[in-house]
């Protein structure tokens, strides 16, 4: 069970109060990361739309960076794989694009932008 659970707490009430506070802090951090990831995903979408009109390669690079950062925290985010696949496709890295899209497909078989309508 690990070192922290070897000894029985002397005061169960205090133990659960501390545990509750620790869980609340962890959830707060998770909520903040979810909000940041949602913001980053929207920014990446805008960068890719901007790239389509301007052709600036920096937009692709920044969008890819944002997607990889999101995947560090949420590896099951199919939208990130979709946008990374698009980025690789634009860069003419077709095999890599297909590989990334296959991963996205495995992560979320119901994500329509990868699979299209059923």
PDB file of N, CA and C in Angstrom:
ATOM      1  N   UNK A   1       0.794  -1.209   0.000  1.00  0.00           N
ATOM      2  CA  UNK A   1       0.000   0.000   0.000  1.00  0.00           C
ATOM      3  C   UNK A   1       0.834   1.270   0.000  1.00  0.00           C
ATOM      4  N   UNK A   2       2.085   1.139   0.209  1.00  0.00           N
ATOM      5  CA  UNK A   2       2.935   2.320   0.214  1.00  0.00           C
ATOM      6  C   UNK A   2       3.260   2.765   1.624  1.00  0.00           C
ATOM      7  N   UNK A   3       4.317   3.552   1.718  1.00  0.00           N
ATOM      8  CA  UNK A   3       4.809   4.014   3.020  1.00  0.00           C
ATOM      9  C   UNK A   3       3.767   4.820   3.791  1.00  0.00           C
ATOM     10  N   UNK A   4       3.019   5.695   3.084  1.00  0.00           N
ATOM     11  CA  UNK A   4       2.095   6.567   3.801  1.00  0.00           C
ATOM     12  C   UNK A   4       0.937   5.804   4.442  1.00  0.00           C
ATOM     13  N   UNK A   5       0.688   4.570   4.006  1.00  0.00           N
ATOM     14  CA  UNK A   5      -0.441   3.817   4.550  1.00  0.00           C
ATOM     15  C   UNK A   5      -0.027   2.669   5.464  1.00  0.00           C
ATOM     16  N   UNK A   6       1.238   2.577   5.805  1.00  0.00           N
ATOM     17  CA  UNK A   6       1.693   1.488   6.668  1.00  0.00           C
ATOM     18  C   UNK A   6       1.158   1.629   8.092  1.00  0.00           C
ATOM     19  N   UNK A   7       1.188   2.833   8.605  1.00  0.00           N
ATOM     20  CA  UNK A   7       0.741   3.061   9.981  1.00  0.00           C
ATOM     21  C   UNK A   7      -0.685   3.594   9.978  1.00  0.00           C
ATOM     22  N   UNK A   8      -1.487   3.104  10.890  1.00  0.00           N
ATOM     23  CA  UNK A   8      -2.865   3.582  11.016  1.00  0.00           C
ATOM     24  C   UNK A   8      -2.846   4.988  11.604  1.00  0.00           C
ATOM     25  N   UNK A   9      -3.659   5.894  11.035  1.00  0.00           N
ATOM     26  CA  UNK A   9      -3.706   7.249  11.584  1.00  0.00           C
ATOM     27  C   UNK A   9      -4.149   7.242  13.042  1.00  0.00           C
ATOM     28  N   UNK A  10      -3.576   8.118  13.827  1.00  0.00           N
ATOM     29  CA  UNK A  10      -3.954   8.229  15.242  1.00  0.00           C
ATOM     30  C   UNK A  10      -5.298   8.945  15.386  1.00  0.00           C
ATOM     31  N   UNK A  11      -5.540   9.906  14.481  1.00  0.00           N
ATOM     32  CA  UNK A  11      -6.780  10.672  14.521  1.00  0.00           C
ATOM     33  C   UNK A  11      -7.425  10.587  13.135  1.00  0.00           C
ATOM     34  N   UNK A  12      -8.442   9.735  13.021  1.00  0.00           N
ATOM     35  CA  UNK A  12      -9.075   9.513  11.721  1.00  0.00           C
ATOM     36  C   UNK A  12      -9.751  10.773  11.205  1.00  0.00           C
ATOM     37  N   UNK A  13     -10.334  11.543  12.076  1.00  0.00           N
ATOM     38  CA  UNK A  13     -10.981  12.779  11.645  1.00  0.00           C
ATOM     39  C   UNK A  13      -9.962  13.717  10.997  1.00  0.00           C
ATOM     40  N   UNK A  14      -8.822  13.886  11.643  1.00  0.00           N
ATOM     41  CA  UNK A  14      -7.763  14.748  11.107  1.00  0.00           C
ATOM     42  C   UNK A  14      -7.230  14.175   9.780  1.00  0.00           C
ATOM     43  N   UNK A  15      -7.095  12.869   9.751  1.00  0.00           N
ATOM     44  CA  UNK A  15      -6.617  12.193   8.532  1.00  0.00           C
ATOM     45  C   UNK A  15      -7.530  12.524   7.356  1.00  0.00           C
ATOM     46  N   UNK A  16      -8.850  12.403   7.551  1.00  0.00           N
ATOM     47  CA  UNK A  16      -9.786  12.660   6.455  1.00  0.00           C
ATOM     48  C   UNK A  16      -9.883  14.143   6.115  1.00  0.00           C
ATOM     49  N   UNK A  17      -9.718  15.012   7.081  1.00  0.00           N
ATOM     50  CA  UNK A  17      -9.697  16.444   6.788  1.00  0.00           C
ATOM     51  C   UNK A  17      -8.499  16.778   5.894  1.00  0.00           C
ATOM     52  N   UNK A  18      -7.339  16.246   6.262  1.00  0.00           N
ATOM     53  CA  UNK A  18      -6.131  16.485   5.456  1.00  0.00           C
ATOM     54  C   UNK A  18      -6.280  15.880   4.060  1.00  0.00           C
ATOM     55  N   UNK A  19      -6.823  14.692   3.998  1.00  0.00           N
ATOM     56  CA  UNK A  19      -7.018  14.028   2.710  1.00  0.00           C
ATOM     57  C   UNK A  19      -7.988  14.821   1.834  1.00  0.00           C
ATOM     58  N   UNK A  20      -9.069  15.315   2.443  1.00  0.00           N
ATOM     59  CA  UNK A  20     -10.037  16.116   1.699  1.00  0.00           C
ATOM     60  C   UNK A  20      -9.388  17.389   1.152  1.00  0.00           C
ATOM     61  N   UNK A  21      -8.597  18.059   1.966  1.00  0.00           N
ATOM     62  CA  UNK A  21      -7.908  19.274   1.513  1.00  0.00           C
ATOM     63  C   UNK A  21      -6.940  18.970   0.368  1.00  0.00           C
ATOM     64  N   UNK A  22      -6.222  17.862   0.502  1.00  0.00           N
ATOM     65  CA  UNK A  22      -5.282  17.473  -0.561  1.00  0.00           C
ATOM     66  C   UNK A  22      -6.024  17.169  -1.862  1.00  0.00           C
ATOM     67  N   UNK A  23      -7.147  16.476  -1.767  1.00  0.00           N
ATOM     68  CA  UNK A  23      -7.940  16.149  -2.963  1.00  0.00           C
ATOM     69  C   UNK A  23      -8.524  17.423  -3.587  1.00  0.00           C
ATOM     70  N   UNK A  24      -8.994  18.344  -2.753  1.00  0.00           N
ATOM     71  CA  UNK A  24      -9.539  19.603  -3.263  1.00  0.00           C
ATOM     72  C   UNK A  24      -8.469  20.381  -4.013  1.00  0.00           C
ATOM     73  N   UNK A  25      -7.254  20.407  -3.473  1.00  0.00           N
ATOM     74  CA  UNK A  25      -6.137  21.107  -4.126  1.00  0.00           C
ATOM     75  C   UNK A  25      -5.801  20.446  -5.461  1.00  0.00           C
ATOM     76  N   UNK A  26      -5.788  19.119  -5.475  1.00  0.00           N
ATOM     77  CA  UNK A  26      -5.487  18.390  -6.703  1.00  0.00           C
ATOM     78  C   UNK A  26      -6.565  18.652  -7.760  1.00  0.00           C
ATOM     79  N   UNK A  27      -7.837  18.674  -7.352  1.00  0.00           N
ATOM     80  CA  UNK A  27      -8.925  18.950  -8.289  1.00  0.00           C
ATOM     81  C   UNK A  27      -8.850  20.368  -8.821  1.00  0.00           C
ATOM     82  N   UNK A  28      -8.447  21.314  -7.979  1.00  0.00           N
ATOM     83  CA  UNK A  28      -8.303  22.701  -8.419  1.00  0.00           C
ATOM     84  C   UNK A  28      -7.245  22.781  -9.519  1.00  0.00           C
ATOM     85  N   UNK A  29      -6.123  22.095  -9.309  1.00  0.00           N
ATOM     86  CA  UNK A  29      -5.066  22.073 -10.322  1.00  0.00           C
ATOM     87  C   UNK A  29      -5.559  21.430 -11.613  1.00  0.00           C
ATOM     88  N   UNK A  30      -6.326  20.349 -11.492  1.00  0.00           N
ATOM     89  CA  UNK A  30      -6.860  19.669 -12.668  1.00  0.00           C
ATOM     90  C   UNK A  30      -7.818  20.576 -13.415  1.00  0.00           C
ATOM     91  N   UNK A  31      -8.698  21.264 -12.687  1.00  0.00           N
ATOM     92  CA  UNK A  31      -9.632  22.189 -13.320  1.00  0.00           C
ATOM     93  C   UNK A  31      -8.895  23.292 -14.069  1.00  0.00           C
ATOM     94  N   UNK A  32      -7.835  23.809 -13.463  1.00  0.00           N
ATOM     95  CA  UNK A  32      -7.049  24.859 -14.110  1.00  0.00           C
ATOM     96  C   UNK A  32      -6.381  24.322 -15.376  1.00  0.00           C
ATOM     97  N   UNK A  33      -5.886  23.085 -15.325  1.00  0.00           N
ATOM     98  CA  UNK A  33      -5.234  22.500 -16.498  1.00  0.00           C
ATOM     99  C   UNK A  33      -6.247  22.239 -17.615  1.00  0.00           C
ATOM    100  N   UNK A  34      -7.441  21.798 -17.258  1.00  0.00           N
ATOM    101  CA  UNK A  34      -8.494  21.582 -18.257  1.00  0.00           C
ATOM    102  C   UNK A  34      -8.828  22.909 -18.938  1.00  0.00           C
ATOM    103  N   UNK A  35      -9.000  23.957 -18.156  1.00  0.00           N
ATOM    104  CA  UNK A  35      -9.321  25.277 -18.723  1.00  0.00           C
ATOM    105  C   UNK A  35      -8.206  25.766 -19.633  1.00  0.00           C
ATOM    106  N   UNK A  36      -6.958  25.599 -19.216  1.00  0.00           N
ATOM    107  CA  UNK A  36      -5.821  26.017 -20.043  1.00  0.00           C
ATOM    108  C   UNK A  36      -5.774  25.214 -21.337  1.00  0.00           C
ATOM    109  N   UNK A  37      -6.017  23.915 -21.245  1.00  0.00           N
ATOM    110  CA  UNK A  37      -5.980  23.063 -22.433  1.00  0.00           C
ATOM    111  C   UNK A  37      -7.089  23.429 -23.415  1.00  0.00           C
ATOM    112  N   UNK A  38      -8.271  23.741 -22.896  1.00  0.00           N
ATOM    113  CA  UNK A  38      -9.368  24.169 -23.777  1.00  0.00           C
ATOM    114  C   UNK A  38      -9.001  25.464 -24.501  1.00  0.00           C
ATOM    115  N   UNK A  39      -8.412  26.394 -23.767  1.00  0.00           N
ATOM    116  CA  UNK A  39      -7.983  27.668 -24.354  1.00  0.00           C
ATOM    117  C   UNK A  39      -6.901  27.422 -25.408  1.00  0.00           C
ATOM    118  N   UNK A  40      -5.936  26.561 -25.094  1.00  0.00           N
ATOM    119  CA  UNK A  40      -4.854  26.255 -26.031  1.00  0.00           C
ATOM    120  C   UNK A  40      -5.385  25.578 -27.294  1.00  0.00           C
ATOM    121  N   UNK A  41      -6.372  24.698 -27.142  1.00  0.00           N
ATOM    122  CA  UNK A  41      -6.948  24.016 -28.294  1.00  0.00           C
ATOM    123  C   UNK A  41      -7.634  25.014 -29.219  1.00  0.00           C
ATOM    124  N   UNK A  42      -8.392  25.933 -28.634  1.00  0.00           N
ATOM    125  CA  UNK A  42      -9.047  26.973 -29.435  1.00  0.00           C
ATOM    126  C   UNK A  42      -8.015  27.853 -30.137  1.00  0.00           C
ATOM    127  N   UNK A  43      -6.929  28.182 -29.432  1.00  0.00           N
ATOM    128  CA  UNK A  43      -5.865  28.987 -30.039  1.00  0.00           C
ATOM    129  C   UNK A  43      -5.232  28.244 -31.215  1.00  0.00           C
ATOM    130  N   UNK A  44      -4.999  26.952 -31.050  1.00  0.00           N
ATOM    131  CA  UNK A  44      -4.409  26.148 -32.128  1.00  0.00           C
ATOM    132  C   UNK A  44      -5.330  26.121 -33.343  1.00  0.00           C
ATOM    133  N   UNK A  45      -6.624  25.985 -33.106  1.00  0.00           N
ATOM    134  CA  UNK A  45      -7.568  26.005 -34.219  1.00  0.00           C
ATOM    135  C   UNK A  45      -7.494  27.331 -34.970  1.00  0.00           C
ATOM    136  N   UNK A  46      -7.416  28.429 -34.232  1.00  0.00           N
ATOM    137  CA  UNK A  46      -7.315  29.742 -34.864  1.00  0.00           C
ATOM    138  C   UNK A  46      -6.000  29.893 -35.629  1.00  0.00           C
ATOM    139  N   UNK A  47      -4.915  29.377 -35.063  1.00  0.00           N
ATOM    140  CA  UNK A  47      -3.617  29.433 -35.754  1.00  0.00           C
ATOM    141  C   UNK A  47      -3.676  28.666 -37.070  1.00  0.00           C
ATOM    142  N   UNK A  48      -4.325  27.513 -37.076  1.00  0.00           N
ATOM    143  CA  UNK A  48      -4.421  26.719 -38.296  1.00  0.00           C
ATOM    144  C   UNK A  48      -5.319  27.392 -39.328  1.00  0.00           C
ATOM    145  N   UNK A  49      -6.382  28.036 -38.881  1.00  0.00           N
ATOM    146  CA  UNK A  49      -7.227  28.793 -39.809  1.00  0.00           C
ATOM    147  C   UNK A  49      -6.436  29.956 -40.392  1.00  0.00           C
ATOM    148  N   UNK A  50      -5.647  30.610 -39.534  1.00  0.00           N
ATOM    149  CA  UNK A  50      -4.791  31.703 -40.012  1.00  0.00           C
ATOM    150  C   UNK A  50      -3.761  31.211 -41.005  1.00  0.00           C
ATOM    151  N   UNK A  51      -3.208  30.036 -40.761  1.00  0.00           N
ATOM    152  CA  UNK A  51      -2.236  29.458 -41.684  1.00  0.00           C
ATOM    153  C   UNK A  51      -2.867  29.220 -43.052  1.00  0.00           C
ATOM    154  N   UNK A  52      -4.097  28.754 -43.067  1.00  0.00           N
ATOM    155  CA  UNK A  52      -4.759  28.468 -44.335  1.00  0.00           C
ATOM    156  C   UNK A  52      -4.906  29.718 -45.191  1.00  0.00           C
ATOM    157  N   UNK A  53      -5.036  30.869 -44.556  1.00  0.00           N
ATOM    158  CA  UNK A  53      -5.160  32.101 -45.341  1.00  0.00           C
ATOM    159  C   UNK A  53      -3.816  32.789 -45.569  1.00  0.00           C
ATOM    160  N   UNK A  54      -2.871  32.656 -44.617  1.00  0.00           N
ATOM    161  CA  UNK A  54      -1.608  33.393 -44.739  1.00  0.00           C
ATOM    162  C   UNK A  54      -0.441  32.542 -45.215  1.00  0.00           C
ATOM    163  N   UNK A  55      -0.474  31.247 -44.921  1.00  0.00           N
ATOM    164  CA  UNK A  55       0.634  30.376 -45.295  1.00  0.00           C
ATOM    165  C   UNK A  55       1.849  30.490 -44.392  1.00  0.00           C
ATOM    166  N   UNK A  56       1.716  31.165 -43.242  1.00  0.00           N
ATOM    167  CA  UNK A  56       2.851  31.338 -42.329  1.00  0.00           C
ATOM    168  C   UNK A  56       3.145  30.032 -41.597  1.00  0.00           C
ATOM    169  N   UNK A  57       4.339  29.505 -41.797  1.00  0.00           N
ATOM    170  CA  UNK A  57       4.734  28.237 -41.197  1.00  0.00           C
ATOM    171  C   UNK A  57       4.825  28.328 -39.678  1.00  0.00           C
ATOM    172  N   UNK A  58       5.082  29.529 -39.147  1.00  0.00           N
ATOM    173  CA  UNK A  58       5.136  29.729 -37.698  1.00  0.00           C
ATOM    174  C   UNK A  58       3.811  29.355 -37.036  1.00  0.00           C
ATOM    175  N   UNK A  59       2.708  29.605 -37.734  1.00  0.00           N
ATOM    176  CA  UNK A  59       1.399  29.244 -37.201  1.00  0.00           C
ATOM    177  C   UNK A  59       1.284  27.738 -37.019  1.00  0.00           C
ATOM    178  N   UNK A  60       1.790  26.985 -37.988  1.00  0.00           N
ATOM    179  CA  UNK A  60       1.772  25.523 -37.885  1.00  0.00           C
ATOM    180  C   UNK A  60       2.612  25.051 -36.709  1.00  0.00           C
ATOM    181  N   UNK A  61       3.778  25.633 -36.580  1.00  0.00           N
ATOM    182  CA  UNK A  61       4.690  25.247 -35.516  1.00  0.00           C
ATOM    183  C   UNK A  61       4.079  25.508 -34.149  1.00  0.00           C
ATOM    184  N   UNK A  62       3.508  26.682 -33.955  1.00  0.00           N
ATOM    185  CA  UNK A  62       2.903  27.041 -32.670  1.00  0.00           C
ATOM    186  C   UNK A  62       1.698  26.142 -32.366  1.00  0.00           C
ATOM    187  N   UNK A  63       0.880  25.872 -33.375  1.00  0.00           N
ATOM    188  CA  UNK A  63      -0.284  24.999 -33.181  1.00  0.00           C
ATOM    189  C   UNK A  63       0.159  23.594 -32.783  1.00  0.00           C
ATOM    190  N   UNK A  64       1.194  23.075 -33.427  1.00  0.00           N
ATOM    191  CA  UNK A  64       1.702  21.737 -33.098  1.00  0.00           C
ATOM    192  C   UNK A  64       2.238  21.708 -31.664  1.00  0.00           C
ATOM    193  N   UNK A  65       2.938  22.761 -31.270  1.00  0.00           N
ATOM    194  CA  UNK A  65       3.444  22.837 -29.890  1.00  0.00           C
ATOM    195  C   UNK A  65       2.305  22.787 -28.885  1.00  0.00           C
ATOM    196  N   UNK A  66       1.249  23.539 -29.158  1.00  0.00           N
ATOM    197  CA  UNK A  66       0.104  23.552 -28.253  1.00  0.00           C
ATOM    198  C   UNK A  66      -0.543  22.173 -28.156  1.00  0.00           C
ATOM    199  N   UNK A  67      -0.654  21.475 -29.294  1.00  0.00           N
ATOM    200  CA  UNK A  67      -1.273  20.146 -29.294  1.00  0.00           C
ATOM    201  C   UNK A  67      -0.446  19.151 -28.480  1.00  0.00           C
ATOM    202  N   UNK A  68       0.859  19.203 -28.637  1.00  0.00           N
ATOM    203  CA  UNK A  68       1.729  18.285 -27.891  1.00  0.00           C
ATOM    204  C   UNK A  68       1.648  18.568 -26.391  1.00  0.00           C
ATOM    205  N   UNK A  69       1.585  19.839 -26.021  1.00  0.00           N
ATOM    206  CA  UNK A  69       1.455  20.199 -24.604  1.00  0.00           C
ATOM    207  C   UNK A  69       0.146  19.668 -24.025  1.00  0.00           C
ATOM    208  N   UNK A  70      -0.932  19.788 -24.778  1.00  0.00           N
ATOM    209  CA  UNK A  70      -2.220  19.271 -24.304  1.00  0.00           C
ATOM    210  C   UNK A  70      -2.142  17.757 -24.149  1.00  0.00           C
ATOM    211  N   UNK A  71      -1.527  17.083 -25.119  1.00  0.00           N
ATOM    212  CA  UNK A  71      -1.438  15.619 -25.052  1.00  0.00           C
ATOM    213  C   UNK A  71      -0.594  15.144 -23.879  1.00  0.00           C
ATOM    214  N   UNK A  72       0.313  15.982 -23.396  1.00  0.00           N
ATOM    215  CA  UNK A  72       1.070  15.627 -22.189  1.00  0.00           C
ATOM    216  C   UNK A  72       0.135  15.406 -21.009  1.00  0.00           C
ATOM    217  N   UNK A  73      -0.913  16.206 -20.923  1.00  0.00           N
ATOM    218  CA  UNK A  73      -1.857  16.111 -19.807  1.00  0.00           C
ATOM    219  C   UNK A  73      -3.080  15.254 -20.135  1.00  0.00           C
ATOM    220  N   UNK A  74      -3.507  15.294 -21.394  1.00  0.00           N
ATOM    221  CA  UNK A  74      -4.720  14.594 -21.802  1.00  0.00           C
ATOM    222  C   UNK A  74      -4.453  13.774 -23.064  1.00  0.00           C
ATOM    223  N   UNK A  75      -3.789  12.632 -22.903  1.00  0.00           N
ATOM    224  CA  UNK A  75      -3.425  11.828 -24.078  1.00  0.00           C
ATOM    225  C   UNK A  75      -4.621  11.252 -24.828  1.00  0.00           C
ATOM    226  N   UNK A  76      -5.800  11.365 -24.282  1.00  0.00           N
ATOM    227  CA  UNK A  76      -6.988  10.863 -24.955  1.00  0.00           C
ATOM    228  C   UNK A  76      -7.753  11.923 -25.718  1.00  0.00           C
ATOM    229  N   UNK A  77      -7.143  13.055 -25.990  1.00  0.00           N
ATOM    230  CA  UNK A  77      -7.805  14.169 -26.690  1.00  0.00           C
ATOM    231  C   UNK A  77      -7.695  13.960 -28.201  1.00  0.00           C
ATOM    232  N   UNK A  78      -8.728  13.363 -28.791  1.00  0.00           N
ATOM    233  CA  UNK A  78      -8.697  13.025 -30.218  1.00  0.00           C
ATOM    234  C   UNK A  78      -8.535  14.258 -31.106  1.00  0.00           C
ATOM    235  N   UNK A  79      -9.058  15.390 -30.671  1.00  0.00           N
ATOM    236  CA  UNK A  79      -8.934  16.615 -31.460  1.00  0.00           C
ATOM    237  C   UNK A  79      -7.487  17.015 -31.680  1.00  0.00           C
ATOM    238  N   UNK A  80      -6.644  16.753 -30.695  1.00  0.00           N
ATOM    239  CA  UNK A  80      -5.217  17.066 -30.844  1.00  0.00           C
ATOM    240  C   UNK A  80      -4.583  16.208 -31.933  1.00  0.00           C
ATOM    241  N   UNK A  81      -4.931  14.934 -31.948  1.00  0.00           N
ATOM    242  CA  UNK A  81      -4.392  14.047 -32.984  1.00  0.00           C
ATOM    243  C   UNK A  81      -4.891  14.489 -34.366  1.00  0.00           C
ATOM    244  N   UNK A  82      -6.143  14.927 -34.427  1.00  0.00           N
ATOM    245  CA  UNK A  82      -6.711  15.415 -35.677  1.00  0.00           C
ATOM    246  C   UNK A  82      -5.928  16.626 -36.194  1.00  0.00           C
ATOM    247  N   UNK A  83      -5.692  17.602 -35.321  1.00  0.00           N
ATOM    248  CA  UNK A  83      -4.971  18.801 -35.750  1.00  0.00           C
ATOM    249  C   UNK A  83      -3.502  18.519 -36.050  1.00  0.00           C
ATOM    250  N   UNK A  84      -2.882  17.615 -35.292  1.00  0.00           N
ATOM    251  CA  UNK A  84      -1.498  17.228 -35.610  1.00  0.00           C
ATOM    252  C   UNK A  84      -1.439  16.499 -36.952  1.00  0.00           C
ATOM    253  N   UNK A  85      -2.422  15.650 -37.203  1.00  0.00           N
ATOM    254  CA  UNK A  85      -2.488  14.963 -38.497  1.00  0.00           C
ATOM    255  C   UNK A  85      -2.622  15.949 -39.644  1.00  0.00           C
ATOM    256  N   UNK A  86      -3.471  16.958 -39.466  1.00  0.00           N
ATOM    257  CA  UNK A  86      -3.632  17.998 -40.481  1.00  0.00           C
ATOM    258  C   UNK A  86      -2.315  18.728 -40.717  1.00  0.00           C
ATOM    259  N   UNK A  87      -1.633  19.069 -39.624  1.00  0.00           N
ATOM    260  CA  UNK A  87      -0.362  19.775 -39.731  1.00  0.00           C
ATOM    261  C   UNK A  87       0.653  18.947 -40.515  1.00  0.00           C
ATOM    262  N   UNK A  88       0.752  17.675 -40.199  1.00  0.00           N
ATOM    263  CA  UNK A  88       1.692  16.798 -40.921  1.00  0.00           C
ATOM    264  C   UNK A  88       1.296  16.646 -42.383  1.00  0.00           C
ATOM    265  N   UNK A  89       0.014  16.594 -42.656  1.00  0.00           N
ATOM    266  CA  UNK A  89      -0.467  16.503 -44.034  1.00  0.00           C
ATOM    267  C   UNK A  89      -0.043  17.738 -44.835  1.00  0.00           C
ATOM    268  N   UNK A  90      -0.223  18.904 -44.237  1.00  0.00           N
ATOM    269  CA  UNK A  90       0.157  20.157 -44.898  1.00  0.00           C
ATOM    270  C   UNK A  90       1.660  20.187 -45.175  1.00  0.00           C
ATOM    271  N   UNK A  91       2.435  19.586 -44.280  1.00  0.00           N
ATOM    272  CA  UNK A  91       3.893  19.540 -44.445  1.00  0.00           C
ATOM    273  C   UNK A  91       4.332  18.397 -45.361  1.00  0.00           C
ATOM    274  N   UNK A  92       3.352  17.719 -45.971  1.00  0.00           N
ATOM    275  CA  UNK A  92       3.591  16.614 -46.895  1.00  0.00           C
ATOM    276  C   UNK A  92       4.276  15.425 -46.209  1.00  0.00           C
ATOM    277  N   UNK A  93       3.994  15.249 -44.933  1.00  0.00           N
ATOM    278  CA  UNK A  93       4.461  14.086 -44.164  1.00  0.00           C
ATOM    279  C   UNK A  93       3.279  13.128 -44.052  1.00  0.00           C
ATOM    280  N   UNK A  94       2.925  12.531 -45.213  1.00  0.00           N
ATOM    281  CA  UNK A  94       1.669  11.802 -45.309  1.00  0.00           C
ATOM    282  C   UNK A  94       1.622  10.546 -44.446  1.00  0.00           C
ATOM    283  N   UNK A  95       2.697   9.775 -44.416  1.00  0.00           N
ATOM    284  CA  UNK A  95       2.703   8.563 -43.590  1.00  0.00           C
ATOM    285  C   UNK A  95       2.591   8.905 -42.112  1.00  0.00           C
ATOM    286  N   UNK A  96       3.320   9.925 -41.687  1.00  0.00           N
ATOM    287  CA  UNK A  96       3.236  10.353 -40.291  1.00  0.00           C
ATOM    288  C   UNK A  96       1.837  10.877 -39.965  1.00  0.00           C
ATOM    289  N   UNK A  97       1.241  11.599 -40.912  1.00  0.00           N
ATOM    290  CA  UNK A  97      -0.115  12.110 -40.706  1.00  0.00           C
ATOM    291  C   UNK A  97      -1.087  10.957 -40.503  1.00  0.00           C
ATOM    292  N   UNK A  98      -0.978   9.924 -41.334  1.00  0.00           N
ATOM    293  CA  UNK A  98      -1.860   8.759 -41.190  1.00  0.00           C
ATOM    294  C   UNK A  98      -1.644   8.049 -39.862  1.00  0.00           C
ATOM    295  N   UNK A  99      -0.392   7.943 -39.442  1.00  0.00           N
ATOM    296  CA  UNK A  99      -0.096   7.295 -38.160  1.00  0.00           C
ATOM    297  C   UNK A  99      -0.748   8.048 -37.011  1.00  0.00           C
ATOM    298  N   UNK A 100      -0.613   9.365 -37.012  1.00  0.00           N
ATOM    299  CA  UNK A 100      -1.208  10.190 -35.954  1.00  0.00           C
ATOM    300  C   UNK A 100      -2.728  10.071 -35.982  1.00  0.00           C
ATOM    301  N   UNK A 101      -3.315  10.071 -37.172  1.00  0.00           N
ATOM    302  CA  UNK A 101      -4.768   9.937 -37.267  1.00  0.00           C
ATOM    303  C   UNK A 101      -5.238   8.561 -36.800  1.00  0.00           C
ATOM    304  N   UNK A 102      -4.445   7.526 -37.059  1.00  0.00           N
ATOM    305  CA  UNK A 102      -4.790   6.192 -36.566  1.00  0.00           C
ATOM    306  C   UNK A 102      -4.773   6.157 -35.038  1.00  0.00           C
ATOM    307  N   UNK A 103      -3.793   6.828 -34.446  1.00  0.00           N
ATOM    308  CA  UNK A 103      -3.743   6.899 -32.982  1.00  0.00           C
ATOM    309  C   UNK A 103      -4.991   7.621 -32.470  1.00  0.00           C
ATOM    310  N   UNK A 104      -5.331   8.734 -33.094  1.00  0.00           N
ATOM    311  CA  UNK A 104      -6.543   9.466 -32.706  1.00  0.00           C
ATOM    312  C   UNK A 104      -7.789   8.610 -32.847  1.00  0.00           C
ATOM    313  N   UNK A 105      -7.822   7.796 -33.879  1.00  0.00           N
ATOM    314  CA  UNK A 105      -8.947   6.890 -34.104  1.00  0.00           C
ATOM    315  C   UNK A 105      -9.042   5.839 -33.004  1.00  0.00           C
ATOM    316  N   UNK A 106      -7.899   5.338 -32.561  1.00  0.00           N
ATOM    317  CA  UNK A 106      -7.897   4.356 -31.479  1.00  0.00           C
ATOM    318  C   UNK A 106      -8.297   5.003 -30.151  1.00  0.00           C
ATOM    319  N   UNK A 107      -7.861   6.235 -29.955  1.00  0.00           N
ATOM    320  CA  UNK A 107      -8.159   6.947 -28.703  1.00  0.00           C
ATOM    321  C   UNK A 107      -9.653   7.221 -28.583  1.00  0.00           C
ATOM    322  N   UNK A 108     -10.267   7.657 -29.680  1.00  0.00           N
ATOM    323  CA  UNK A 108     -11.704   7.964 -29.659  1.00  0.00           C
ATOM    324  C   UNK A 108     -12.325   7.560 -30.990  1.00  0.00           C
ATOM    325  N   UNK A 109     -12.838   6.326 -31.064  1.00  0.00           N
ATOM    326  CA  UNK A 109     -13.403   5.832 -32.323  1.00  0.00           C
ATOM    327  C   UNK A 109     -14.638   6.616 -32.783  1.00  0.00           C
ATOM    328  N   UNK A 110     -15.220   7.441 -31.932  1.00  0.00           N
ATOM    329  CA  UNK A 110     -16.428   8.191 -32.286  1.00  0.00           C
ATOM    330  C   UNK A 110     -16.147   9.639 -32.671  1.00  0.00           C
ATOM    331  N   UNK A 111     -14.874  10.028 -32.744  1.00  0.00           N
ATOM    332  CA  UNK A 111     -14.534  11.413 -33.077  1.00  0.00           C
ATOM    333  C   UNK A 111     -14.746  11.639 -34.567  1.00  0.00           C
ATOM    334  N   UNK A 112     -15.831  12.339 -34.915  1.00  0.00           N
ATOM    335  CA  UNK A 112     -16.262  12.492 -36.302  1.00  0.00           C
ATOM    336  C   UNK A 112     -15.254  13.132 -37.246  1.00  0.00           C
ATOM    337  N   UNK A 113     -14.519  14.180 -36.833  1.00  0.00           N
ATOM    338  CA  UNK A 113     -13.587  14.765 -37.805  1.00  0.00           C
ATOM    339  C   UNK A 113     -12.540  13.776 -38.326  1.00  0.00           C
ATOM    340  N   UNK A 114     -12.235  12.741 -37.577  1.00  0.00           N
ATOM    341  CA  UNK A 114     -11.297  11.733 -38.075  1.00  0.00           C
ATOM    342  C   UNK A 114     -12.027  10.681 -38.895  1.00  0.00           C
ATOM    343  N   UNK A 115     -13.203  10.264 -38.430  1.00  0.00           N
ATOM    344  CA  UNK A 115     -13.915   9.159 -39.068  1.00  0.00           C
ATOM    345  C   UNK A 115     -14.941   9.603 -40.095  1.00  0.00           C
ATOM    346  N   UNK A 116     -15.389  10.818 -40.031  1.00  0.00           N
ATOM    347  CA  UNK A 116     -16.468  11.248 -40.877  1.00  0.00           C
ATOM    348  C   UNK A 116     -17.786  10.748 -40.310  1.00  0.00           C
ATOM    349  N   UNK A 117     -18.852  11.025 -41.000  1.00  0.00           N
ATOM    350  CA  UNK A 117     -20.173  10.588 -40.509  1.00  0.00           C
ATOM    351  C   UNK A 117     -20.357   9.114 -40.774  1.00  0.00           C
ATOM    352  N   UNK A 118     -20.992   8.463 -39.808  1.00  0.00           N
ATOM    353  CA  UNK A 118     -21.238   7.013 -39.927  1.00  0.00           C
ATOM    354  C   UNK A 118     -22.362   6.714 -40.862  1.00  0.00           C
TER     355      UNK A 118
END
